Amino acid sequence: MAVAITIRGVPEVVRDELAAKAALQHQSMQEYLRGELERLAATPSVSTLVEEIRRRKEAAGTRVTAAEIIAARDSDRR
């Protein structure tokens, strides 16, 4: 079920910029903002991404030292 969201106190300059962006995409401001809110809600936060990376690194159980990375990088330069 869809819900209504009201945002008060939006500066005119912000409203005008959002209206211009909506117009460039041939959308009403409501359509544009709904799409942006859906995109924002679907995007994981940075902290969520970092935690997922940490979890995957732990699960893999491998560790590569800085010295090993540098040695591998330099191995074909000799």
Protein backbone atom coordinates (compact mmCIF):
# COMPACT_ATOMS: atom_id res chain seq x y z
CA MET A 1 0.00 0.00 0.00
CA ALA A 2 1.39 3.39 -0.97
CA VAL A 3 1.76 6.09 1.64
CA ALA A 4 1.98 9.87 1.39
CA ILE A 5 5.10 11.68 2.59
CA THR A 6 5.15 15.42 3.23
CA ILE A 7 8.40 17.34 3.52
CA ARG A 8 8.11 20.85 4.91
CA GLY A 9 10.64 23.64 4.81
CA VAL A 10 12.22 22.81 1.45
CA PRO A 11 13.99 25.94 0.15
CA GLU A 12 12.62 27.33 -3.10
CA VAL A 13 15.96 26.95 -4.82
CA VAL A 14 15.95 23.23 -4.00
CA ARG A 15 12.36 22.85 -5.20
CA ASP A 16 13.22 24.67 -8.42
CA GLU A 17 16.26 22.45 -9.04
CA LEU A 18 14.22 19.29 -8.45
CA ALA A 19 11.49 20.55 -10.77
CA ALA A 20 14.07 21.25 -13.47
CA LYS A 21 15.56 17.75 -13.11
CA ALA A 22 12.08 16.23 -13.33
CA ALA A 23 11.29 18.26 -16.43
CA LEU A 24 14.50 17.10 -18.11
CA GLN A 25 13.29 13.54 -17.68
CA HIS A 26 9.77 14.42 -18.86
CA GLN A 27 8.34 13.54 -15.44
CA SER A 28 6.23 15.31 -12.90
CA MET A 29 8.08 16.24 -9.74
CA GLN A 30 6.11 13.56 -7.90
CA GLU A 31 7.22 10.86 -10.38
CA TYR A 32 10.80 12.07 -10.25
CA LEU A 33 10.95 12.20 -6.44
CA ARG A 34 9.26 8.80 -6.06
CA GLY A 35 11.90 7.29 -8.36
CA GLU A 36 14.71 8.98 -6.45
CA LEU A 37 13.32 7.79 -3.10
CA GLU A 38 13.03 4.22 -4.44
CA ARG A 39 16.63 4.38 -5.71
CA LEU A 40 17.84 5.77 -2.39
CA ALA A 41 16.01 3.09 -0.41
CA ALA A 42 17.49 0.33 -2.61
CA THR A 43 21.08 1.56 -2.25
CA PRO A 44 22.96 0.05 0.69
CA SER A 45 24.75 2.42 3.03
CA VAL A 46 28.54 2.64 3.05
CA SER A 47 28.65 1.02 6.49
CA THR A 48 26.54 -1.89 5.21
CA LEU A 49 28.90 -2.37 2.25
CA VAL A 50 32.00 -2.24 4.46
CA GLU A 51 30.49 -4.79 6.85
CA GLU A 52 29.67 -7.10 3.92
CA ILE A 53 33.26 -6.84 2.64
CA ARG A 54 34.60 -7.64 6.11
CA ARG A 55 32.26 -10.62 6.41
CA ARG A 56 33.37 -11.99 3.02
CA LYS A 57 37.05 -11.51 3.85
CA GLU A 58 36.62 -13.42 7.12
CA ALA A 59 34.70 -16.20 5.39
CA ALA A 60 37.45 -16.58 2.77
CA GLY A 61 40.02 -17.05 5.54
CA THR A 62 42.91 -15.77 3.47
CA ARG A 63 45.22 -12.89 4.22
CA VAL A 64 47.62 -11.29 1.81
CA THR A 65 50.28 -9.05 3.28
CA ALA A 66 51.31 -5.74 1.79
CA ALA A 67 54.74 -7.24 1.04
CA GLU A 68 53.12 -10.08 -0.94
CA ILE A 69 51.03 -7.62 -2.93
CA ILE A 70 54.08 -5.50 -3.75
CA ALA A 71 56.13 -8.58 -4.68
CA ALA A 72 53.38 -9.81 -7.01
CA ARG A 73 53.05 -6.37 -8.56
CA ASP A 74 56.79 -6.09 -9.11
CA SER A 75 57.36 -9.69 -10.28
CA ASP A 76 56.75 -8.96 -13.94
CA ARG A 77 58.70 -5.69 -13.88
CA ARG A 78 62.07 -7.39 -13.59
